[in-house]
Every structure is written in C-alpha cells, then in structure tokens.
Amino acid sequence: MSEDRTFTDVDRAKQRVRERVWDVLDANNAVHDATAHGRIPNFVGSQEAASRLGALPAWQHAGVIKSVPDKAQIPVRALALAEGKTVFMAVPKLADPRPFYLLDPAALTIPPAEAASSRVAADIAPKVGVDALQPVDMVVLGSVAVNRAGVRIGKGAGYSDLEFALLSEAGLIGDHTVVVTTVHGLQVLDEDLPATTHDVGVDVIVTPQETITCPSPHRPSGLVWEHLDARKIASIPVLAARAPAR
C-alpha cells in the first residue's frame, strides 16, 4: 500500500473518531458551544483543568510556554501570563514570515485573562520568527480526542504538528520539553487511535478531575516533507523558505 493511500485511510479513521467524540460531548452538555464540530472543543471545566495543570511540578518549573490559540486553553494561557511565564502561539495558519505571537508578561498593559484571548493577542503581541524564540519548557496542545498512551487527534488542520516540528528542528524543543493537553474526561478514550509519523504525542493529559502520565509518546524530530503537498508548503512562508527540491 502506498504512503498516500495509507495517509488517506488514517485521516479518514481520525475523522470518524472526531465525529464520535463531538457527538458524545454534545449529548452530555460538556462543551460551551454545541455547534463547534470541526474545532477543538471548548469543554466545560477548562478552568479546573488549567488549575490542575498549574499544580504540576513541570508547570511550576516552566518559564516558556508554547500554546495553541484555542478557546479551551485560554485559562492555561491566562494562568501562565499571571505567573510571569512567557507565552507564544502561532499566527493563524502560520501565514506570515514571522509566524508566532510573543506574549511577554512584563510588557502587558492589560490583565492576563484578556491578553490570553487569541483575538486580543493578535492585536497586542508582536509577531516574531522562529529565531527570536526561546527554548520551550512546555507545549500545551488542544485535542479532540486522546488516549492514555498519549496518542492525540486534533481538529485535522495539522498546524500544531507543523509548529512542533519547526521548533524541534530549530533546537527549541528537546527532551526537557513537556507536552501536555487539557481536555474533558469524555475526550480521553480507552482504545487505540490512528496516527501517522508526523503526529505529536503528549506526555501528560489533564482533565478537570484527573492527571494522566503517558508512557513514551511519539515525537517527530522534524518536518515530514512527504506528508506536505506543494499547496500547503507554498501557503506557509517559513516552510516555503526551507522546502527541499522535489
């Protein structure tokens, strides 16, 4: 079976999991927006999950946080800024030569809870290139589904995996970096989940009620160019600038 066919089959299997989880969350009134299929769920209890994350030693020792911009992780970003941690997150679709927003808590002129909103951050935070970033102590991901082995399924756009790969190739993510996701308990599945070699696994899952440590999650060491088509590469300046000849 070709790599293209395998990737297509895995992608379809992931979508079936997403649809199932979105439906379960809706049925249990576990999300703030029941129409948000296609997105990272803005789950009920995200504040409690952020507080649980904030009690972990790995969080307390972290000074630089790379976070997704999703609504479910606003409490995590707000907590980080309130505690004086540097936070950065990607420009939408990485569609800028300087593809990250950098939130410096020392430079904020508004409360951390406001600055943590992705829309506000886009207005107040400078855009920076990969070369302007510091080594990352913790990566915070959103998920649609995740299992106890740390296999994660996002919303399907693939940008979190690309960001992770870019920072890994730049030496900003290493063995010391802890990868976490905050989710509702209904998003944690006791089953094998489909994955490809470019997918980032998580070290820790935090729900409002539970902290789960995952054994030896998969981490790509860099970009998997054969999983990127020409259109995707051309739409992301930082990829287009370093793409190998085909």
C-alpha atoms as a PDB file:
ATOM      1  CA  MET A   1       0.000   0.000   0.000  1.00  0.00           C
ATOM      2  CA  SER A   2       1.378   3.396  -0.931  1.00  0.00           C
ATOM      3  CA  GLU A   3       2.141   6.115   1.636  1.00  0.00           C
ATOM      4  CA  ASP A   4      -0.531   8.347   0.053  1.00  0.00           C
ATOM      5  CA  ARG A   5      -3.200   5.653   0.435  1.00  0.00           C
ATOM      6  CA  THR A   6      -2.114   4.859   3.998  1.00  0.00           C
ATOM      7  CA  PHE A   7      -2.238   8.523   4.970  1.00  0.00           C
ATOM      8  CA  THR A   8      -5.723   8.881   3.453  1.00  0.00           C
ATOM      9  CA  ASP A   9      -7.003   5.867   5.351  1.00  0.00           C
ATOM     10  CA  VAL A  10      -5.561   7.158   8.629  1.00  0.00           C
ATOM     11  CA  ASP A  11      -7.074  10.586   8.022  1.00  0.00           C
ATOM     12  CA  ARG A  12     -10.489   9.057   7.447  1.00  0.00           C
ATOM     13  CA  ALA A  13     -10.177   6.964  10.592  1.00  0.00           C
ATOM     14  CA  LYS A  14      -9.271  10.073  12.588  1.00  0.00           C
ATOM     15  CA  GLN A  15     -12.331  11.888  11.288  1.00  0.00           C
ATOM     16  CA  ARG A  16     -14.581   9.064  12.428  1.00  0.00           C
ATOM     17  CA  VAL A  17     -13.125   9.409  15.936  1.00  0.00           C
ATOM     18  CA  ARG A  18     -13.614  13.193  15.874  1.00  0.00           C
ATOM     19  CA  GLU A  19     -17.254  12.919  14.879  1.00  0.00           C
ATOM     20  CA  ARG A  20     -17.908  10.360  17.599  1.00  0.00           C
ATOM     21  CA  VAL A  21     -16.281  12.481  20.309  1.00  0.00           C
ATOM     22  CA  TRP A  22     -18.001  15.706  19.212  1.00  0.00           C
ATOM     23  CA  ASP A  23     -21.356  13.877  19.353  1.00  0.00           C
ATOM     24  CA  VAL A  24     -20.653  12.470  22.833  1.00  0.00           C
ATOM     25  CA  LEU A  25     -19.648  15.889  24.148  1.00  0.00           C
ATOM     26  CA  ASP A  26     -22.797  17.458  22.702  1.00  0.00           C
ATOM     27  CA  ALA A  27     -25.009  14.736  24.145  1.00  0.00           C
ATOM     28  CA  ASN A  28     -23.535  15.278  27.604  1.00  0.00           C
ATOM     29  CA  ASN A  29     -23.636  19.099  27.505  1.00  0.00           C
ATOM     30  CA  ALA A  30     -19.881  19.030  28.014  1.00  0.00           C
ATOM     31  CA  VAL A  31     -19.000  21.924  25.690  1.00  0.00           C
ATOM     32  CA  HIS A  32     -19.818  25.622  25.782  1.00  0.00           C
ATOM     33  CA  ASP A  33     -20.677  25.701  22.062  1.00  0.00           C
ATOM     34  CA  ALA A  34     -22.585  22.650  20.880  1.00  0.00           C
ATOM     35  CA  THR A  35     -22.272  23.740  17.236  1.00  0.00           C
ATOM     36  CA  ALA A  36     -18.476  23.700  17.255  1.00  0.00           C
ATOM     37  CA  HIS A  37     -17.919  20.475  15.323  1.00  0.00           C
ATOM     38  CA  GLY A  38     -14.729  20.946  13.336  1.00  0.00           C
ATOM     39  CA  ARG A  39     -12.947  22.738  16.177  1.00  0.00           C
ATOM     40  CA  ILE A  40     -11.054  21.910  19.331  1.00  0.00           C
ATOM     41  CA  PRO A  41     -13.873  21.509  21.890  1.00  0.00           C
ATOM     42  CA  ASN A  42     -14.268  24.422  24.288  1.00  0.00           C
ATOM     43  CA  PHE A  43     -15.035  22.000  27.072  1.00  0.00           C
ATOM     44  CA  VAL A  44     -16.827  22.587  30.347  1.00  0.00           C
ATOM     45  CA  GLY A  45     -14.259  22.519  33.146  1.00  0.00           C
ATOM     46  CA  SER A  46     -11.377  24.068  31.216  1.00  0.00           C
ATOM     47  CA  GLN A  47     -10.642  26.400  34.148  1.00  0.00           C
ATOM     48  CA  GLU A  48     -10.445  23.465  36.543  1.00  0.00           C
ATOM     49  CA  ALA A  49      -8.155  21.591  34.159  1.00  0.00           C
ATOM     50  CA  ALA A  50      -5.878  24.643  33.951  1.00  0.00           C
ATOM     51  CA  SER A  51      -5.727  24.830  37.745  1.00  0.00           C
ATOM     52  CA  ARG A  52      -4.832  21.142  37.944  1.00  0.00           C
ATOM     53  CA  LEU A  53      -2.118  21.670  35.326  1.00  0.00           C
ATOM     54  CA  GLY A  54      -0.815  24.633  37.315  1.00  0.00           C
ATOM     55  CA  ALA A  55      -0.196  22.398  40.324  1.00  0.00           C
ATOM     56  CA  LEU A  56       2.192  20.087  38.448  1.00  0.00           C
ATOM     57  CA  PRO A  57       5.938  20.445  39.116  1.00  0.00           C
ATOM     58  CA  ALA A  58       6.616  20.531  35.359  1.00  0.00           C
ATOM     59  CA  TRP A  59       4.377  23.582  35.058  1.00  0.00           C
ATOM     60  CA  GLN A  60       5.871  25.296  38.082  1.00  0.00           C
ATOM     61  CA  HIS A  61       9.393  24.839  36.696  1.00  0.00           C
ATOM     62  CA  ALA A  62       8.448  26.070  33.206  1.00  0.00           C
ATOM     63  CA  GLY A  63       9.313  29.606  32.160  1.00  0.00           C
ATOM     64  CA  VAL A  64       8.417  29.471  28.455  1.00  0.00           C
ATOM     65  CA  ILE A  65       5.112  28.025  27.244  1.00  0.00           C
ATOM     66  CA  LYS A  66       4.135  27.304  23.639  1.00  0.00           C
ATOM     67  CA  SER A  67       0.337  27.128  23.485  1.00  0.00           C
ATOM     68  CA  VAL A  68      -2.345  26.580  20.902  1.00  0.00           C
ATOM     69  CA  PRO A  69      -4.724  29.556  20.434  1.00  0.00           C
ATOM     70  CA  ASP A  70      -7.929  27.594  21.052  1.00  0.00           C
ATOM     71  CA  LYS A  71     -10.625  28.820  23.465  1.00  0.00           C
ATOM     72  CA  ALA A  72     -10.340  25.715  25.640  1.00  0.00           C
ATOM     73  CA  GLN A  73      -6.771  26.688  26.518  1.00  0.00           C
ATOM     74  CA  ILE A  74      -7.483  30.359  27.382  1.00  0.00           C
ATOM     75  CA  PRO A  75      -7.356  29.554  31.135  1.00  0.00           C
ATOM     76  CA  VAL A  76      -3.946  27.916  30.658  1.00  0.00           C
ATOM     77  CA  ARG A  77      -2.542  30.911  28.805  1.00  0.00           C
ATOM     78  CA  ALA A  78      -4.036  33.321  31.356  1.00  0.00           C
ATOM     79  CA  LEU A  79      -2.515  31.354  34.230  1.00  0.00           C
ATOM     80  CA  ALA A  80       0.878  31.323  32.542  1.00  0.00           C
ATOM     81  CA  LEU A  81       0.873  35.080  31.991  1.00  0.00           C
ATOM     82  CA  ALA A  82      -0.365  35.754  35.522  1.00  0.00           C
ATOM     83  CA  GLU A  83       2.545  33.698  36.862  1.00  0.00           C
ATOM     84  CA  GLY A  84       5.097  35.587  34.768  1.00  0.00           C
ATOM     85  CA  LYS A  85       5.680  32.916  32.147  1.00  0.00           C
ATOM     86  CA  THR A  86       6.429  33.845  28.535  1.00  0.00           C
ATOM     87  CA  VAL A  87       3.753  32.548  26.162  1.00  0.00           C
ATOM     88  CA  PHE A  88       3.841  32.255  22.406  1.00  0.00           C
ATOM     89  CA  MET A  89       1.362  30.890  19.927  1.00  0.00           C
ATOM     90  CA  ALA A  90       1.132  30.652  16.180  1.00  0.00           C
ATOM     91  CA  VAL A  91      -0.175  33.218  13.749  1.00  0.00           C
ATOM     92  CA  PRO A  92      -3.301  31.705  12.107  1.00  0.00           C
ATOM     93  CA  LYS A  93      -2.293  29.082   9.568  1.00  0.00           C
ATOM     94  CA  LEU A  94       1.361  30.139  10.044  1.00  0.00           C
ATOM     95  CA  ALA A  95       0.671  32.542   7.186  1.00  0.00           C
ATOM     96  CA  ASP A  96       3.388  35.085   7.980  1.00  0.00           C
ATOM     97  CA  PRO A  97       7.202  35.042   7.668  1.00  0.00           C
ATOM     98  CA  ARG A  98       7.166  35.790  11.420  1.00  0.00           C
ATOM     99  CA  PRO A  99       4.730  33.030  12.344  1.00  0.00           C
ATOM    100  CA  PHE A 100       4.390  33.408  16.123  1.00  0.00           C
ATOM    101  CA  TYR A 101       2.822  35.903  18.527  1.00  0.00           C
ATOM    102  CA  LEU A 102       5.034  36.528  21.553  1.00  0.00           C
ATOM    103  CA  LEU A 103       3.325  37.459  24.819  1.00  0.00           C
ATOM    104  CA  ASP A 104       5.779  38.867  27.338  1.00  0.00           C
ATOM    105  CA  PRO A 105       4.073  39.162  30.747  1.00  0.00           C
ATOM    106  CA  ALA A 106       6.375  42.025  31.719  1.00  0.00           C
ATOM    107  CA  ALA A 107       5.153  44.073  28.748  1.00  0.00           C
ATOM    108  CA  LEU A 108       1.406  43.572  29.211  1.00  0.00           C
ATOM    109  CA  THR A 109      -0.734  46.654  29.735  1.00  0.00           C
ATOM    110  CA  ILE A 110      -3.972  44.673  30.125  1.00  0.00           C
ATOM    111  CA  PRO A 111      -4.931  41.836  32.512  1.00  0.00           C
ATOM    112  CA  PRO A 112      -3.578  38.360  31.663  1.00  0.00           C
ATOM    113  CA  ALA A 113      -7.098  36.976  31.218  1.00  0.00           C
ATOM    114  CA  GLU A 114      -7.693  39.481  28.406  1.00  0.00           C
ATOM    115  CA  ALA A 115      -4.280  39.049  26.799  1.00  0.00           C
ATOM    116  CA  ALA A 116      -4.816  35.269  26.728  1.00  0.00           C
ATOM    117  CA  SER A 117      -7.544  35.622  24.104  1.00  0.00           C
ATOM    118  CA  SER A 118      -6.153  34.826  20.672  1.00  0.00           C
ATOM    119  CA  ARG A 119      -8.004  37.793  19.144  1.00  0.00           C
ATOM    120  CA  VAL A 120      -6.569  40.223  21.685  1.00  0.00           C
ATOM    121  CA  ALA A 121      -3.108  38.694  21.435  1.00  0.00           C
ATOM    122  CA  ALA A 122      -3.178  39.272  17.683  1.00  0.00           C
ATOM    123  CA  ASP A 123      -3.621  42.999  18.367  1.00  0.00           C
ATOM    124  CA  ILE A 124      -1.140  43.494  21.214  1.00  0.00           C
ATOM    125  CA  ALA A 125       1.594  40.896  20.738  1.00  0.00           C
ATOM    126  CA  PRO A 126       4.491  41.322  18.313  1.00  0.00           C
ATOM    127  CA  LYS A 127       4.988  38.752  15.602  1.00  0.00           C
ATOM    128  CA  VAL A 128       8.356  37.028  15.732  1.00  0.00           C
ATOM    129  CA  GLY A 129      10.272  34.476  13.718  1.00  0.00           C
ATOM    130  CA  VAL A 130      11.491  31.138  14.984  1.00  0.00           C
ATOM    131  CA  ASP A 131      14.969  32.601  15.508  1.00  0.00           C
ATOM    132  CA  ALA A 132      13.576  35.096  18.049  1.00  0.00           C
ATOM    133  CA  LEU A 133      12.067  32.449  20.315  1.00  0.00           C
ATOM    134  CA  GLN A 134      13.481  30.925  23.487  1.00  0.00           C
ATOM    135  CA  PRO A 135      13.761  27.192  24.231  1.00  0.00           C
ATOM    136  CA  VAL A 136      10.356  25.811  25.163  1.00  0.00           C
ATOM    137  CA  ASP A 137       9.762  24.230  28.556  1.00  0.00           C
ATOM    138  CA  MET A 138       6.171  23.151  27.932  1.00  0.00           C
ATOM    139  CA  VAL A 139       3.960  22.723  24.868  1.00  0.00           C
ATOM    140  CA  VAL A 140       0.213  22.976  25.520  1.00  0.00           C
ATOM    141  CA  LEU A 141      -1.989  21.350  22.897  1.00  0.00           C
ATOM    142  CA  GLY A 142      -5.717  21.206  22.362  1.00  0.00           C
ATOM    143  CA  SER A 143      -7.260  17.891  21.366  1.00  0.00           C
ATOM    144  CA  VAL A 144     -10.463  16.441  20.054  1.00  0.00           C
ATOM    145  CA  ALA A 145      -9.506  13.013  21.372  1.00  0.00           C
ATOM    146  CA  VAL A 146      -6.544  11.483  23.161  1.00  0.00           C
ATOM    147  CA  ASN A 147      -5.817   8.062  24.642  1.00  0.00           C
ATOM    148  CA  ARG A 148      -3.886   7.063  27.733  1.00  0.00           C
ATOM    149  CA  ALA A 149      -0.840   6.173  25.644  1.00  0.00           C
ATOM    150  CA  GLY A 150      -0.621   9.834  24.598  1.00  0.00           C
ATOM    151  CA  VAL A 151      -1.848   9.441  21.013  1.00  0.00           C
ATOM    152  CA  ARG A 152      -3.695  12.652  20.193  1.00  0.00           C
ATOM    153  CA  ILE A 153      -6.153  13.641  17.478  1.00  0.00           C
ATOM    154  CA  GLY A 154      -6.569  17.348  16.767  1.00  0.00           C
ATOM    155  CA  LYS A 155      -9.142  19.061  14.589  1.00  0.00           C
ATOM    156  CA  GLY A 156      -7.404  17.947  11.392  1.00  0.00           C
ATOM    157  CA  ALA A 157      -5.624  21.048  10.108  1.00  0.00           C
ATOM    158  CA  GLY A 158      -2.192  19.785  11.178  1.00  0.00           C
ATOM    159  CA  TYR A 159      -0.758  23.123  12.270  1.00  0.00           C
ATOM    160  CA  SER A 160       0.129  22.058  15.823  1.00  0.00           C
ATOM    161  CA  ASP A 161       2.248  19.227  14.422  1.00  0.00           C
ATOM    162  CA  LEU A 162       3.949  21.600  11.971  1.00  0.00           C
ATOM    163  CA  GLU A 163       4.713  24.104  14.721  1.00  0.00           C
ATOM    164  CA  PHE A 164       6.174  21.363  16.890  1.00  0.00           C
ATOM    165  CA  ALA A 165       8.322  20.097  14.016  1.00  0.00           C
ATOM    166  CA  LEU A 166       9.618  23.586  13.184  1.00  0.00           C
ATOM    167  CA  LEU A 167      10.599  24.244  16.783  1.00  0.00           C
ATOM    168  CA  SER A 168      12.189  20.815  17.111  1.00  0.00           C
ATOM    169  CA  GLU A 169      14.335  21.400  14.025  1.00  0.00           C
ATOM    170  CA  ALA A 170      15.355  24.774  15.476  1.00  0.00           C
ATOM    171  CA  GLY A 171      16.514  23.105  18.698  1.00  0.00           C
ATOM    172  CA  LEU A 172      13.852  24.891  20.761  1.00  0.00           C
ATOM    173  CA  ILE A 173      12.038  21.685  21.739  1.00  0.00           C
ATOM    174  CA  GLY A 174      14.054  18.892  23.270  1.00  0.00           C
ATOM    175  CA  ASP A 175      13.951  16.037  25.734  1.00  0.00           C
ATOM    176  CA  HIS A 176      13.336  18.521  28.557  1.00  0.00           C
ATOM    177  CA  THR A 177      10.150  19.850  26.927  1.00  0.00           C
ATOM    178  CA  VAL A 178       6.909  18.504  28.398  1.00  0.00           C
ATOM    179  CA  VAL A 179       3.940  18.163  26.034  1.00  0.00           C
ATOM    180  CA  VAL A 180       0.512  18.401  27.657  1.00  0.00           C
ATOM    181  CA  THR A 181      -3.111  18.601  26.592  1.00  0.00           C
ATOM    182  CA  THR A 182      -6.099  19.814  28.586  1.00  0.00           C
ATOM    183  CA  VAL A 183      -9.386  18.078  27.764  1.00  0.00           C
ATOM    184  CA  HIS A 184     -12.717  16.951  29.166  1.00  0.00           C
ATOM    185  CA  GLY A 185     -12.730  13.435  30.596  1.00  0.00           C
ATOM    186  CA  LEU A 186     -15.040  12.321  27.773  1.00  0.00           C
ATOM    187  CA  GLN A 187     -12.270  13.121  25.292  1.00  0.00           C
ATOM    188  CA  VAL A 188      -9.951  10.536  26.875  1.00  0.00           C
ATOM    189  CA  LEU A 189     -10.509   7.225  25.100  1.00  0.00           C
ATOM    190  CA  ASP A 190      -9.512   3.735  26.223  1.00  0.00           C
ATOM    191  CA  GLU A 191      -8.703   2.480  22.748  1.00  0.00           C
ATOM    192  CA  ASP A 192      -6.022   2.578  20.102  1.00  0.00           C
ATOM    193  CA  LEU A 193      -6.148   5.696  17.959  1.00  0.00           C
ATOM    194  CA  PRO A 194      -4.950   6.168  14.362  1.00  0.00           C
ATOM    195  CA  ALA A 195      -1.729   8.136  13.928  1.00  0.00           C
ATOM    196  CA  THR A 196       0.989   8.948  11.397  1.00  0.00           C
ATOM    197  CA  THR A 197       4.703   9.586  11.810  1.00  0.00           C
ATOM    198  CA  HIS A 198       4.205  13.368  11.843  1.00  0.00           C
ATOM    199  CA  ASP A 199       1.729  13.324  14.742  1.00  0.00           C
ATOM    200  CA  VAL A 200       2.874  14.654  18.120  1.00  0.00           C
ATOM    201  CA  GLY A 201       2.060  12.564  21.177  1.00  0.00           C
ATOM    202  CA  VAL A 202       1.544  14.021  24.635  1.00  0.00           C
ATOM    203  CA  ASP A 203       3.392  13.338  27.875  1.00  0.00           C
ATOM    204  CA  VAL A 204       0.563  14.410  30.161  1.00  0.00           C
ATOM    205  CA  ILE A 205      -3.231  14.622  29.840  1.00  0.00           C
ATOM    206  CA  VAL A 206      -5.041  16.914  32.267  1.00  0.00           C
ATOM    207  CA  THR A 207      -8.807  16.819  32.750  1.00  0.00           C
ATOM    208  CA  PRO A 208     -10.796  18.683  35.392  1.00  0.00           C
ATOM    209  CA  GLN A 209     -10.707  15.535  37.550  1.00  0.00           C
ATOM    210  CA  GLU A 210      -7.571  13.619  36.556  1.00  0.00           C
ATOM    211  CA  THR A 211      -3.915  13.889  35.587  1.00  0.00           C
ATOM    212  CA  ILE A 212      -2.658  11.089  33.326  1.00  0.00           C
ATOM    213  CA  THR A 213       1.017  10.454  32.599  1.00  0.00           C
ATOM    214  CA  CYS A 214       1.533   8.802  29.213  1.00  0.00           C
ATOM    215  CA  PRO A 215       4.304   6.241  28.599  1.00  0.00           C
ATOM    216  CA  SER A 216       6.800   7.076  25.831  1.00  0.00           C
ATOM    217  CA  PRO A 217       4.614   9.135  23.476  1.00  0.00           C
ATOM    218  CA  HIS A 218       5.755   9.544  19.876  1.00  0.00           C
ATOM    219  CA  ARG A 219       7.659  12.715  18.984  1.00  0.00           C
ATOM    220  CA  PRO A 220       8.684  13.578  15.428  1.00  0.00           C
ATOM    221  CA  SER A 221      12.191  15.009  15.274  1.00  0.00           C
ATOM    222  CA  GLY A 222      11.334  17.406  12.470  1.00  0.00           C
ATOM    223  CA  LEU A 223       9.215  18.054   9.409  1.00  0.00           C
ATOM    224  CA  VAL A 224       7.964  15.068   7.426  1.00  0.00           C
ATOM    225  CA  TRP A 225       8.106  16.653   3.996  1.00  0.00           C
ATOM    226  CA  GLU A 226       6.484  13.733   2.180  1.00  0.00           C
ATOM    227  CA  HIS A 227       3.279  14.429   4.149  1.00  0.00           C
ATOM    228  CA  LEU A 228       3.127  18.032   2.875  1.00  0.00           C
ATOM    229  CA  ASP A 229       1.769  18.861  -0.545  1.00  0.00           C
ATOM    230  CA  ALA A 230       3.025  21.746  -2.658  1.00  0.00           C
ATOM    231  CA  ARG A 231      -0.002  23.930  -1.924  1.00  0.00           C
ATOM    232  CA  LYS A 232       0.441  23.597   1.838  1.00  0.00           C
ATOM    233  CA  ILE A 233       4.144  24.407   1.615  1.00  0.00           C
ATOM    234  CA  ALA A 234       3.525  27.444  -0.589  1.00  0.00           C
ATOM    235  CA  SER A 235       0.906  28.821   1.829  1.00  0.00           C
ATOM    236  CA  ILE A 236       3.329  28.828   4.786  1.00  0.00           C
ATOM    237  CA  PRO A 237       6.273  31.190   4.222  1.00  0.00           C
ATOM    238  CA  VAL A 238       8.546  29.574   6.782  1.00  0.00           C
ATOM    239  CA  LEU A 239       8.091  26.211   5.030  1.00  0.00           C
ATOM    240  CA  ALA A 240       8.419  27.616   1.521  1.00  0.00           C
ATOM    241  CA  ALA A 241      11.743  29.176   2.512  1.00  0.00           C
ATOM    242  CA  ARG A 242      13.260  25.858   3.550  1.00  0.00           C
ATOM    243  CA  ALA A 243      11.489  23.310   1.367  1.00  0.00           C
ATOM    244  CA  PRO A 244      13.781  20.738  -0.255  1.00  0.00           C
ATOM    245  CA  ALA A 245      13.780  20.419  -4.019  1.00  0.00           C
ATOM    246  CA  ARG A 246      11.347  17.806  -5.301  1.00  0.00           C
END
